[in-house]
PDB file of all heavy atoms in Angstrom:
ATOM      1  N   SER A   1      99.730  83.427  93.555  1.00  0.00           N
ATOM      2  CA  SER A   1      98.987  82.594  94.508  1.00  0.00           C
ATOM      3  C   SER A   1      99.098  83.182  95.906  1.00  0.00           C
ATOM      4  O   SER A   1     100.102  83.814  96.260  1.00  0.00           O
ATOM      5  CB  SER A   1      99.528  81.159  94.504  1.00  0.00           C
ATOM      6  OG  SER A   1     100.783  81.085  95.164  1.00  0.00           O
ATOM      7  N   TRP A   2      98.045  82.968  96.697  1.00  0.00           N
ATOM      8  CA  TRP A   2      98.054  83.448  98.070  1.00  0.00           C
ATOM      9  C   TRP A   2      99.138  82.748  98.890  1.00  0.00           C
ATOM     10  O   TRP A   2      99.771  83.360  99.755  1.00  0.00           O
ATOM     11  CB  TRP A   2      96.683  83.228  98.712  1.00  0.00           C
ATOM     12  CG  TRP A   2      96.711  83.450 100.188  1.00  0.00           C
ATOM     13  CD1 TRP A   2      96.520  82.526 101.169  1.00  0.00           C
ATOM     14  CD2 TRP A   2      96.990  84.680 100.866  1.00  0.00           C
ATOM     15  NE1 TRP A   2      96.658  83.090 102.410  1.00  0.00           N
ATOM     16  CE2 TRP A   2      96.944  84.417 102.250  1.00  0.00           C
ATOM     17  CE3 TRP A   2      97.277  85.973 100.429  1.00  0.00           C
ATOM     18  CZ2 TRP A   2      97.174  85.410 103.201  1.00  0.00           C
ATOM     19  CZ3 TRP A   2      97.501  86.956 101.376  1.00  0.00           C
ATOM     20  CH2 TRP A   2      97.453  86.672 102.744  1.00  0.00           C
ATOM     21  N   ALA A   3      99.394  81.485  98.595  1.00  0.00           N
ATOM     22  CA  ALA A   3     100.400  80.749  99.356  1.00  0.00           C
ATOM     23  C   ALA A   3     101.776  81.394  99.222  1.00  0.00           C
ATOM     24  O   ALA A   3     102.504  81.555 100.217  1.00  0.00           O
ATOM     25  CB  ALA A   3     100.447  79.289  98.884  1.00  0.00           C
ATOM     26  N   ASP A   4     102.147  81.776  98.000  1.00  0.00           N
ATOM     27  CA  ASP A   4     103.448  82.415  97.789  1.00  0.00           C
ATOM     28  C   ASP A   4     103.495  83.784  98.449  1.00  0.00           C
ATOM     29  O   ASP A   4     104.521  84.175  99.024  1.00  0.00           O
ATOM     30  CB  ASP A   4     103.723  82.555  96.292  1.00  0.00           C
ATOM     31  CG  ASP A   4     103.990  81.222  95.624  1.00  0.00           C
ATOM     32  OD1 ASP A   4     104.349  80.262  96.341  1.00  0.00           O
ATOM     33  OD2 ASP A   4     103.830  81.132  94.395  1.00  0.00           O
ATOM     34  N   CYS A   5     102.392  84.516  98.342  1.00  0.00           N
ATOM     35  CA  CYS A   5     102.327  85.830  98.984  1.00  0.00           C
ATOM     36  C   CYS A   5     102.462  85.690 100.490  1.00  0.00           C
ATOM     37  O   CYS A   5     103.218  86.424 101.128  1.00  0.00           O
ATOM     38  CB  CYS A   5     101.007  86.510  98.621  1.00  0.00           C
ATOM     39  SG  CYS A   5     100.727  88.088  99.475  1.00  0.00           S
ATOM     40  N   GLU A   6     101.741  84.747 101.065  1.00  0.00           N
ATOM     41  CA  GLU A   6     101.758  84.556 102.520  1.00  0.00           C
ATOM     42  C   GLU A   6     103.158  84.193 103.004  1.00  0.00           C
ATOM     43  O   GLU A   6     103.601  84.646 104.074  1.00  0.00           O
ATOM     44  CB  GLU A   6     100.763  83.470 102.906  1.00  0.00           C
ATOM     45  CG  GLU A   6     100.588  83.315 104.407  1.00  0.00           C
ATOM     46  CD  GLU A   6      99.525  82.305 104.747  1.00  0.00           C
ATOM     47  OE1 GLU A   6      99.400  81.296 104.000  1.00  0.00           O
ATOM     48  OE2 GLU A   6      98.832  82.482 105.754  1.00  0.00           O
ATOM     49  N   THR A   7     103.875  83.390 102.233  1.00  0.00           N
ATOM     50  CA  THR A   7     105.240  83.033 102.609  1.00  0.00           C
ATOM     51  C   THR A   7     106.126  84.258 102.706  1.00  0.00           C
ATOM     52  O   THR A   7     106.995  84.354 103.575  1.00  0.00           O
ATOM     53  CB  THR A   7     105.832  82.055 101.568  1.00  0.00           C
ATOM     54  OG1 THR A   7     105.058  80.856 101.551  1.00  0.00           O
ATOM     55  CG2 THR A   7     107.278  81.718 101.905  1.00  0.00           C
ATOM     56  N   SER A   8     105.889  85.234 101.821  1.00  0.00           N
ATOM     57  CA  SER A   8     106.704  86.440 101.807  1.00  0.00           C
ATOM     58  C   SER A   8     106.374  87.394 102.944  1.00  0.00           C
ATOM     59  O   SER A   8     107.244  88.097 103.445  1.00  0.00           O
ATOM     60  CB  SER A   8     106.519  87.166 100.473  1.00  0.00           C
ATOM     61  OG  SER A   8     107.263  88.355 100.451  1.00  0.00           O
ATOM     62  N   ILE A   9     105.103  87.424 103.389  1.00  0.00           N
ATOM     63  CA  ILE A   9     104.684  88.441 104.366  1.00  0.00           C
ATOM     64  C   ILE A   9     104.495  87.917 105.782  1.00  0.00           C
ATOM     65  O   ILE A   9     104.579  88.694 106.740  1.00  0.00           O
ATOM     66  CB  ILE A   9     103.375  89.122 103.916  1.00  0.00           C
ATOM     67  CG1 ILE A   9     102.235  88.107 103.885  1.00  0.00           C
ATOM     68  CG2 ILE A   9     103.552  89.785 102.556  1.00  0.00           C
ATOM     69  CD1 ILE A   9     100.873  88.721 103.608  1.00  0.00           C
ATOM     70  N   LYS A  10     104.238  86.613 105.937  1.00  0.00           N
ATOM     71  CA  LYS A  10     103.907  86.080 107.256  1.00  0.00           C
ATOM     72  C   LYS A  10     105.054  86.279 108.239  1.00  0.00           C
ATOM     73  O   LYS A  10     106.187  85.869 107.986  1.00  0.00           O
ATOM     74  CB  LYS A  10     103.553  84.599 107.155  1.00  0.00           C
ATOM     75  CG  LYS A  10     102.961  84.037 108.442  1.00  0.00           C
ATOM     76  CD  LYS A  10     102.467  82.612 108.240  1.00  0.00           C
ATOM     77  CE  LYS A  10     101.822  82.069 109.509  1.00  0.00           C
ATOM     78  NZ  LYS A  10     101.320  80.679 109.298  1.00  0.00           N
ATOM     79  N   GLY A  11     104.746  86.951 109.336  1.00  0.00           N
ATOM     80  CA  GLY A  11     105.744  87.191 110.362  1.00  0.00           C
ATOM     81  C   GLY A  11     106.639  88.381 110.115  1.00  0.00           C
ATOM     82  O   GLY A  11     107.447  88.746 110.967  1.00  0.00           O
ATOM     83  N   HIS A  12     106.513  89.010 108.954  1.00  0.00           N
ATOM     84  CA  HIS A  12     107.324  90.200 108.661  1.00  0.00           C
ATOM     85  C   HIS A  12     106.747  91.388 109.419  1.00  0.00           C
ATOM     86  O   HIS A  12     105.539  91.663 109.319  1.00  0.00           O
ATOM     87  CB  HIS A  12     107.336  90.482 107.169  1.00  0.00           C
ATOM     88  CG  HIS A  12     108.366  91.492 106.753  1.00  0.00           C
ATOM     89  ND1 HIS A  12     108.235  92.842 107.015  1.00  0.00           N
ATOM     90  CD2 HIS A  12     109.557  91.350 106.104  1.00  0.00           C
ATOM     91  CE1 HIS A  12     109.280  93.482 106.537  1.00  0.00           C
ATOM     92  NE2 HIS A  12     110.098  92.595 105.985  1.00  0.00           N
ATOM     93  N   PRO A  13     107.543  92.099 110.198  1.00  0.00           N
ATOM     94  CA  PRO A  13     107.015  93.167 111.062  1.00  0.00           C
ATOM     95  C   PRO A  13     106.384  94.337 110.314  1.00  0.00           C
ATOM     96  O   PRO A  13     105.537  95.037 110.858  1.00  0.00           O
ATOM     97  CB  PRO A  13     108.253  93.622 111.852  1.00  0.00           C
ATOM     98  CG  PRO A  13     109.413  93.237 110.992  1.00  0.00           C
ATOM     99  CD  PRO A  13     108.999  91.952 110.335  1.00  0.00           C
ATOM    100  N   SER A  14     106.793  94.571 109.059  1.00  0.00           N
ATOM    101  CA  SER A  14     106.269  95.724 108.309  1.00  0.00           C
ATOM    102  C   SER A  14     105.632  95.308 106.988  1.00  0.00           C
ATOM    103  O   SER A  14     105.573  96.095 106.050  1.00  0.00           O
ATOM    104  CB  SER A  14     107.402  96.729 108.046  1.00  0.00           C
ATOM    105  OG  SER A  14     108.035  97.124 109.236  1.00  0.00           O
ATOM    106  N   ALA A  15     105.159  94.080 106.927  1.00  0.00           N
ATOM    107  CA  ALA A  15     104.627  93.557 105.666  1.00  0.00           C
ATOM    108  C   ALA A  15     103.491  94.423 105.129  1.00  0.00           C
ATOM    109  O   ALA A  15     102.647  94.921 105.873  1.00  0.00           O
ATOM    110  CB  ALA A  15     104.137  92.134 105.868  1.00  0.00           C
ATOM    111  N   ARG A  16     103.514  94.591 103.820  1.00  0.00           N
ATOM    112  CA  ARG A  16     102.470  95.377 103.160  1.00  0.00           C
ATOM    113  C   ARG A  16     102.200  94.784 101.792  1.00  0.00           C
ATOM    114  O   ARG A  16     103.123  94.582 101.002  1.00  0.00           O
ATOM    115  CB  ARG A  16     102.906  96.827 103.026  1.00  0.00           C
ATOM    116  CG  ARG A  16     101.741  97.755 102.739  1.00  0.00           C
ATOM    117  CD  ARG A  16     102.152  99.191 102.885  1.00  0.00           C
ATOM    118  NE  ARG A  16     100.976 100.039 102.835  1.00  0.00           N
ATOM    119  CZ  ARG A  16     100.960 101.267 102.367  1.00  0.00           C
ATOM    120  NH1 ARG A  16     102.070 101.806 101.897  1.00  0.00           N
ATOM    121  NH2 ARG A  16      99.865 101.976 102.365  1.00  0.00           N
ATOM    122  N   TYR A  17     100.917  94.517 101.515  1.00  0.00           N
ATOM    123  CA  TYR A  17     100.564  93.904 100.239  1.00  0.00           C
ATOM    124  C   TYR A  17      99.131  94.285  99.868  1.00  0.00           C
ATOM    125  O   TYR A  17      98.360  94.782 100.683  1.00  0.00           O
ATOM    126  CB  TYR A  17     100.686  92.387 100.321  1.00  0.00           C
ATOM    127  CG  TYR A  17      99.592  91.741 101.146  1.00  0.00           C
ATOM    128  CD1 TYR A  17      98.490  91.144 100.523  1.00  0.00           C
ATOM    129  CD2 TYR A  17      99.647  91.732 102.529  1.00  0.00           C
ATOM    130  CE1 TYR A  17      97.483  90.570 101.261  1.00  0.00           C
ATOM    131  CE2 TYR A  17      98.643  91.158 103.284  1.00  0.00           C
ATOM    132  CZ  TYR A  17      97.554  90.573 102.653  1.00  0.00           C
ATOM    133  OH  TYR A  17      96.549  90.010 103.392  1.00  0.00           O
ATOM    134  N   ARG A  18      98.792  94.073  98.600  1.00  0.00           N
ATOM    135  CA  ARG A  18      97.433  94.271  98.112  1.00  0.00           C
ATOM    136  C   ARG A  18      97.147  93.227  97.043  1.00  0.00           C
ATOM    137  O   ARG A  18      98.060  92.741  96.368  1.00  0.00           O
ATOM    138  CB  ARG A  18      97.247  95.671  97.495  1.00  0.00           C
ATOM    139  CG  ARG A  18      97.218  96.805  98.470  1.00  0.00           C
ATOM    140  CD  ARG A  18      95.946  96.830  99.304  1.00  0.00           C
ATOM    141  NE  ARG A  18      95.871  98.051 100.095  1.00  0.00           N
ATOM    142  CZ  ARG A  18      96.510  98.268 101.234  1.00  0.00           C
ATOM    143  NH1 ARG A  18      97.320  97.323 101.720  1.00  0.00           N
ATOM    144  NH2 ARG A  18      96.376  99.407 101.890  1.00  0.00           N
ATOM    145  N   SER A  19      95.881  92.902  96.865  1.00  0.00           N
ATOM    146  CA  SER A  19      95.485  91.986  95.796  1.00  0.00           C
ATOM    147  C   SER A  19      94.908  92.783  94.636  1.00  0.00           C
ATOM    148  O   SER A  19      94.285  93.838  94.837  1.00  0.00           O
ATOM    149  CB  SER A  19      94.429  90.997  96.312  1.00  0.00           C
ATOM    150  OG  SER A  19      93.244  91.680  96.689  1.00  0.00           O
ATOM    151  N   TYR A  20      95.120  92.275  93.419  1.00  0.00           N
ATOM    152  CA  TYR A  20      94.637  92.932  92.210  1.00  0.00           C
ATOM    153  C   TYR A  20      94.066  91.876  91.266  1.00  0.00           C
ATOM    154  O   TYR A  20      94.504  90.713  91.276  1.00  0.00           O
ATOM    155  CB  TYR A  20      95.768  93.702  91.523  1.00  0.00           C
ATOM    156  CG  TYR A  20      96.292  94.835  92.371  1.00  0.00           C
ATOM    157  CD1 TYR A  20      97.405  94.663  93.187  1.00  0.00           C
ATOM    158  CD2 TYR A  20      95.655  96.071  92.379  1.00  0.00           C
ATOM    159  CE1 TYR A  20      97.870  95.698  93.996  1.00  0.00           C
ATOM    160  CE2 TYR A  20      96.110  97.114  93.174  1.00  0.00           C
ATOM    161  CZ  TYR A  20      97.217  96.914  93.974  1.00  0.00           C
ATOM    162  OH  TYR A  20      97.671  97.949  94.763  1.00  0.00           O
ATOM    163  N   PRO A  21      93.093  92.247  90.445  1.00  0.00           N
ATOM    164  CA  PRO A  21      92.407  91.267  89.596  1.00  0.00           C
ATOM    165  C   PRO A  21      93.200  90.805  88.382  1.00  0.00           C
ATOM    166  O   PRO A  21      92.812  89.835  87.749  1.00  0.00           O
ATOM    167  CB  PRO A  21      91.137  92.009  89.172  1.00  0.00           C
ATOM    168  CG  PRO A  21      91.511  93.455  89.228  1.00  0.00           C
ATOM    169  CD  PRO A  21      92.452  93.574  90.389  1.00  0.00           C
ATOM    170  N   SER A  22      94.293  91.473  88.048  1.00  0.00           N
ATOM    171  CA  SER A  22      95.081  91.062  86.884  1.00  0.00           C
ATOM    172  C   SER A  22      96.565  91.256  87.163  1.00  0.00           C
ATOM    173  O   SER A  22      96.956  92.057  88.026  1.00  0.00           O
ATOM    174  CB  SER A  22      94.687  91.874  85.649  1.00  0.00           C
ATOM    175  OG  SER A  22      95.115  93.221  85.769  1.00  0.00           O
ATOM    176  N   ARG A  23      97.389  90.522  86.433  1.00  0.00           N
ATOM    177  CA  ARG A  23      98.843  90.654  86.593  1.00  0.00           C
ATOM    178  C   ARG A  23      99.307  92.051  86.187  1.00  0.00           C
ATOM    179  O   ARG A  23     100.207  92.622  86.800  1.00  0.00           O
ATOM    180  CB  ARG A  23      99.580  89.596  85.760  1.00  0.00           C
ATOM    181  CG  ARG A  23     101.094  89.637  85.919  1.00  0.00           C
ATOM    182  CD  ARG A  23     101.776  88.576  85.091  1.00  0.00           C
ATOM    183  NE  ARG A  23     101.450  87.241  85.545  1.00  0.00           N
ATOM    184  CZ  ARG A  23     102.077  86.615  86.548  1.00  0.00           C
ATOM    185  NH1 ARG A  23     103.034  87.242  87.214  1.00  0.00           N
ATOM    186  NH2 ARG A  23     101.738  85.388  86.882  1.00  0.00           N
ATOM    187  N   ALA A  24      98.677  92.598  85.132  1.00  0.00           N
ATOM    188  CA  ALA A  24      99.070  93.924  84.666  1.00  0.00           C
ATOM    189  C   ALA A  24      98.850  94.973  85.755  1.00  0.00           C
ATOM    190  O   ALA A  24      99.700  95.838  85.981  1.00  0.00           O
ATOM    191  CB  ALA A  24      98.278  94.292  83.407  1.00  0.00           C
ATOM    192  N   GLU A  25      97.697  94.916  86.429  1.00  0.00           N
ATOM    193  CA  GLU A  25      97.431  95.872  87.510  1.00  0.00           C
ATOM    194  C   GLU A  25      98.383  95.653  88.680  1.00  0.00           C
ATOM    195  O   GLU A  25      98.871  96.609  89.284  1.00  0.00           O
ATOM    196  CB  GLU A  25      95.986  95.751  87.978  1.00  0.00           C
ATOM    197  CG  GLU A  25      94.972  96.371  87.068  1.00  0.00           C
ATOM    198  CD  GLU A  25      93.602  96.460  87.718  1.00  0.00           C
ATOM    199  OE1 GLU A  25      93.474  97.160  88.737  1.00  0.00           O
ATOM    200  OE2 GLU A  25      92.661  95.825  87.211  1.00  0.00           O
ATOM    201  N   ALA A  26      98.629  94.397  89.003  1.00  0.00           N
ATOM    202  CA  ALA A  26      99.532  94.099  90.106  1.00  0.00           C
ATOM    203  C   ALA A  26     100.941  94.609  89.817  1.00  0.00           C
ATOM    204  O   ALA A  26     101.606  95.181  90.691  1.00  0.00           O
ATOM    205  CB  ALA A  26      99.564  92.592  90.367  1.00  0.00           C
ATOM    206  N   ARG A  27     101.399  94.438  88.588  1.00  0.00           N
ATOM    207  CA  ARG A  27     102.726  94.913  88.200  1.00  0.00           C
ATOM    208  C   ARG A  27     102.778  96.427  88.185  1.00  0.00           C
ATOM    209  O   ARG A  27     103.755  97.024  88.651  1.00  0.00           O
ATOM    210  CB  ARG A  27     103.078  94.349  86.819  1.00  0.00           C
ATOM    211  CG  ARG A  27     104.349  94.906  86.175  1.00  0.00           C
ATOM    212  CD  ARG A  27     105.567  94.747  87.047  1.00  0.00           C
ATOM    213  NE  ARG A  27     105.816  93.375  87.416  1.00  0.00           N
ATOM    214  CZ  ARG A  27     106.824  92.996  88.194  1.00  0.00           C
ATOM    215  NH1 ARG A  27     107.658  93.896  88.694  1.00  0.00           N
ATOM    216  NH2 ARG A  27     107.001  91.722  88.502  1.00  0.00           N
ATOM    217  N   ALA A  28     101.727  97.071  87.677  1.00  0.00           N
ATOM    218  CA  ALA A  28     101.679  98.535  87.659  1.00  0.00           C
ATOM    219  C   ALA A  28     101.700  99.099  89.076  1.00  0.00           C
ATOM    220  O   ALA A  28     102.362 100.108  89.353  1.00  0.00           O
ATOM    221  CB  ALA A  28     100.435  99.014  86.920  1.00  0.00           C
ATOM    222  N   ALA A  29     100.990  98.438  89.992  1.00  0.00           N
ATOM    223  CA  ALA A  29     100.986  98.887  91.385  1.00  0.00           C
ATOM    224  C   ALA A  29     102.367  98.736  91.999  1.00  0.00           C
ATOM    225  O   ALA A  29     102.832  99.617  92.743  1.00  0.00           O
ATOM    226  CB  ALA A  29      99.957  98.084  92.191  1.00  0.00           C
ATOM    227  N   PHE A  30     103.040  97.624  91.694  1.00  0.00           N
ATOM    228  CA  PHE A  30     104.386  97.404  92.214  1.00  0.00           C
ATOM    229  C   PHE A  30     105.338  98.479  91.714  1.00  0.00           C
ATOM    230  O   PHE A  30     106.150  99.027  92.476  1.00  0.00           O
ATOM    231  CB  PHE A  30     104.882  96.023  91.806  1.00  0.00           C
ATOM    232  CG  PHE A  30     106.268  95.701  92.291  1.00  0.00           C
ATOM    233  CD1 PHE A  30     106.502  95.449  93.628  1.00  0.00           C
ATOM    234  CD2 PHE A  30     107.335  95.663  91.410  1.00  0.00           C
ATOM    235  CE1 PHE A  30     107.786  95.155  94.091  1.00  0.00           C
ATOM    236  CE2 PHE A  30     108.614  95.377  91.855  1.00  0.00           C
ATOM    237  CZ  PHE A  30     108.835  95.117  93.201  1.00  0.00           C
ATOM    238  N   GLU A  31     105.235  98.824  90.426  1.00  0.00           N
ATOM    239  CA  GLU A  31     106.105  99.846  89.849  1.00  0.00           C
ATOM    240  C   GLU A  31     105.790 101.229  90.421  1.00  0.00           C
ATOM    241  O   GLU A  31     106.674 102.080  90.505  1.00  0.00           O
ATOM    242  CB  GLU A  31     105.963  99.852  88.328  1.00  0.00           C
ATOM    243  CG  GLU A  31     106.547  98.602  87.675  1.00  0.00           C
ATOM    244  CD  GLU A  31     106.335  98.570  86.178  1.00  0.00           C
ATOM    245  OE1 GLU A  31     105.621  99.462  85.661  1.00  0.00           O
ATOM    246  OE2 GLU A  31     106.869  97.645  85.523  1.00  0.00           O
ATOM    247  N   ALA A  32     104.539 101.441  90.806  1.00  0.00           N
ATOM    248  CA  ALA A  32     104.166 102.723  91.415  1.00  0.00           C
ATOM    249  C   ALA A  32     104.783 102.881  92.796  1.00  0.00           C
ATOM    250  O   ALA A  32     104.993 104.009  93.262  1.00  0.00           O
ATOM    251  CB  ALA A  32     102.651 102.849  91.501  1.00  0.00           C
ATOM    252  N   GLY A  33     105.060 101.778  93.476  1.00  0.00           N
ATOM    253  CA  GLY A  33     105.762 101.849  94.753  1.00  0.00           C
ATOM    254  C   GLY A  33     104.903 101.683  95.978  1.00  0.00           C
ATOM    255  O   GLY A  33     105.396 101.339  97.050  1.00  0.00           O
ATOM    256  N   SER A  34     103.600 101.938  95.863  1.00  0.00           N
ATOM    257  CA  SER A  34     102.703 101.802  97.004  1.00  0.00           C
ATOM    258  C   SER A  34     101.270 101.755  96.499  1.00  0.00           C
ATOM    259  O   SER A  34     100.973 102.233  95.385  1.00  0.00           O
ATOM    260  CB  SER A  34     102.863 102.969  97.976  1.00  0.00           C
ATOM    261  OG  SER A  34     102.321 104.163  97.425  1.00  0.00           O
ATOM    262  N   PRO A  35     100.350 101.199  97.286  1.00  0.00           N
ATOM    263  CA  PRO A  35      98.943 101.180  96.861  1.00  0.00           C
ATOM    264  C   PRO A  35      98.391 102.584  96.652  1.00  0.00           C
ATOM    265  O   PRO A  35      97.605 102.817  95.733  1.00  0.00           O
ATOM    266  CB  PRO A  35      98.233 100.474  98.029  1.00  0.00           C
ATOM    267  CG  PRO A  35      99.301  99.694  98.710  1.00  0.00           C
ATOM    268  CD  PRO A  35     100.557 100.500  98.565  1.00  0.00           C
ATOM    269  N   GLU A  36      98.821 103.528  97.501  1.00  0.00           N
ATOM    270  CA  GLU A  36      98.325 104.897  97.394  1.00  0.00           C
ATOM    271  C   GLU A  36      98.787 105.556  96.100  1.00  0.00           C
ATOM    272  O   GLU A  36      98.019 106.257  95.429  1.00  0.00           O
ATOM    273  CB  GLU A  36      98.777 105.714  98.597  1.00  0.00           C
ATOM    274  CG  GLU A  36      98.176 105.282  99.921  1.00  0.00           C
ATOM    275  CD  GLU A  36      98.832 104.047 100.502  1.00  0.00           C
ATOM    276  OE1 GLU A  36      99.932 103.664 100.022  1.00  0.00           O
ATOM    277  OE2 GLU A  36      98.255 103.446 101.417  1.00  0.00           O
ATOM    278  N   ALA A  37     100.065 105.349  95.749  1.00  0.00           N
ATOM    279  CA  ALA A  37     100.595 105.944  94.526  1.00  0.00           C
ATOM    280  C   ALA A  37      99.875 105.372  93.309  1.00  0.00           C
ATOM    281  O   ALA A  37      99.535 106.105  92.370  1.00  0.00           O
ATOM    282  CB  ALA A  37     102.096 105.696  94.419  1.00  0.00           C
ATOM    283  N   TYR A  38      99.616 104.075  93.327  1.00  0.00           N
ATOM    284  CA  TYR A  38      98.921 103.452  92.204  1.00  0.00           C
ATOM    285  C   TYR A  38      97.487 103.958  92.099  1.00  0.00           C
ATOM    286  O   TYR A  38      96.984 104.228  91.008  1.00  0.00           O
ATOM    287  CB  TYR A  38      98.932 101.937  92.358  1.00  0.00           C
ATOM    288  CG  TYR A  38      98.201 101.216  91.260  1.00  0.00           C
ATOM    289  CD1 TYR A  38      98.609 101.331  89.936  1.00  0.00           C
ATOM    290  CD2 TYR A  38      97.090 100.427  91.535  1.00  0.00           C
ATOM    291  CE1 TYR A  38      97.943 100.672  88.913  1.00  0.00           C
ATOM    292  CE2 TYR A  38      96.417  99.763  90.525  1.00  0.00           C
ATOM    293  CZ  TYR A  38      96.842  99.891  89.217  1.00  0.00           C
ATOM    294  OH  TYR A  38      96.172  99.247  88.208  1.00  0.00           O
ATOM    295  N   LYS A  39      96.839 104.115  93.251  1.00  0.00           N
ATOM    296  CA  LYS A  39      95.470 104.618  93.252  1.00  0.00           C
ATOM    297  C   LYS A  39      95.405 106.019  92.672  1.00  0.00           C
ATOM    298  O   LYS A  39      94.491 106.362  91.915  1.00  0.00           O
ATOM    299  CB  LYS A  39      94.910 104.617  94.680  1.00  0.00           C
ATOM    300  CG  LYS A  39      93.436 105.003  94.762  1.00  0.00           C
ATOM    301  CD  LYS A  39      92.962 105.004  96.210  1.00  0.00           C
ATOM    302  CE  LYS A  39      92.962 103.616  96.785  1.00  0.00           C
ATOM    303  NZ  LYS A  39      92.390 103.579  98.155  1.00  0.00           N
ATOM    304  N   GLN A  40      96.406 106.848  93.019  1.00  0.00           N
ATOM    305  CA  GLN A  40      96.436 108.213  92.497  1.00  0.00           C
ATOM    306  C   GLN A  40      96.623 108.217  90.983  1.00  0.00           C
ATOM    307  O   GLN A  40      95.981 108.983  90.256  1.00  0.00           O
ATOM    308  CB  GLN A  40      97.560 109.008  93.167  1.00  0.00           C
ATOM    309  CG  GLN A  40      97.702 110.432  92.667  1.00  0.00           C
ATOM    310  CD  GLN A  40      96.499 111.282  92.974  1.00  0.00           C
ATOM    311  OE1 GLN A  40      95.782 111.012  93.950  1.00  0.00           O
ATOM    312  NE2 GLN A  40      96.246 112.300  92.165  1.00  0.00           N
ATOM    313  N   ILE A  41      97.497 107.365  90.495  1.00  0.00           N
ATOM    314  CA  ILE A  41      97.724 107.277  89.061  1.00  0.00           C
ATOM    315  C   ILE A  41      96.458 106.814  88.345  1.00  0.00           C
ATOM    316  O   ILE A  41      96.072 107.361  87.307  1.00  0.00           O
ATOM    317  CB  ILE A  41      98.899 106.331  88.757  1.00  0.00           C
ATOM    318  CG1 ILE A  41     100.215 106.955  89.230  1.00  0.00           C
ATOM    319  CG2 ILE A  41      98.971 106.008  87.266  1.00  0.00           C
ATOM    320  CD1 ILE A  41     101.402 106.032  89.124  1.00  0.00           C
ATOM    321  N   ARG A  42      95.782 105.833  88.899  1.00  0.00           N
ATOM    322  CA  ARG A  42      94.549 105.347  88.284  1.00  0.00           C
ATOM    323  C   ARG A  42      93.460 106.411  88.321  1.00  0.00           C
ATOM    324  O   ARG A  42      92.662 106.527  87.384  1.00  0.00           O
ATOM    325  CB  ARG A  42      94.077 104.080  88.990  1.00  0.00           C
ATOM    326  CG  ARG A  42      94.902 102.852  88.700  1.00  0.00           C
ATOM    327  CD  ARG A  42      94.946 102.534  87.212  1.00  0.00           C
ATOM    328  NE  ARG A  42      93.635 102.345  86.649  1.00  0.00           N
ATOM    329  CZ  ARG A  42      92.995 101.174  86.590  1.00  0.00           C
ATOM    330  NH1 ARG A  42      93.594 100.087  87.049  1.00  0.00           N
ATOM    331  NH2 ARG A  42      91.800 101.078  86.065  1.00  0.00           N
ATOM    332  N   ARG A  43      93.418 107.169  89.415  1.00  0.00           N
ATOM    333  CA  ARG A  43      92.430 108.242  89.511  1.00  0.00           C
ATOM    334  C   ARG A  43      92.655 109.262  88.403  1.00  0.00           C
ATOM    335  O   ARG A  43      91.713 109.737  87.758  1.00  0.00           O
ATOM    336  CB  ARG A  43      92.507 108.908  90.880  1.00  0.00           C
ATOM    337  CG  ARG A  43      91.382 109.915  91.129  1.00  0.00           C
ATOM    338  CD  ARG A  43      91.516 110.552  92.505  1.00  0.00           C
ATOM    339  NE  ARG A  43      91.403 109.557  93.554  1.00  0.00           N
ATOM    340  CZ  ARG A  43      92.336 109.311  94.456  1.00  0.00           C
ATOM    341  NH1 ARG A  43      93.478 109.984  94.417  1.00  0.00           N
ATOM    342  NH2 ARG A  43      92.155 108.391  95.383  1.00  0.00           N
ATOM    343  N   ALA A  44      93.920 109.594  88.182  1.00  0.00           N
ATOM    344  CA  ALA A  44      94.235 110.537  87.110  1.00  0.00           C
ATOM    345  C   ALA A  44      93.929 109.925  85.748  1.00  0.00           C
ATOM    346  O   ALA A  44      93.445 110.601  84.834  1.00  0.00           O
ATOM    347  CB  ALA A  44      95.705 110.946  87.189  1.00  0.00           C
TER     348      ALA A  44
END
């Protein structure tokens, strides 16, 4: 949920997040470590 995400990032000086259409993609992106790393893996 956006509410839970916002609680984690609001006011954080270096907050970084992305939205994904499925839990599997969101988890894979988290395991990749960054949106860029996940994008590269998906591109490959």
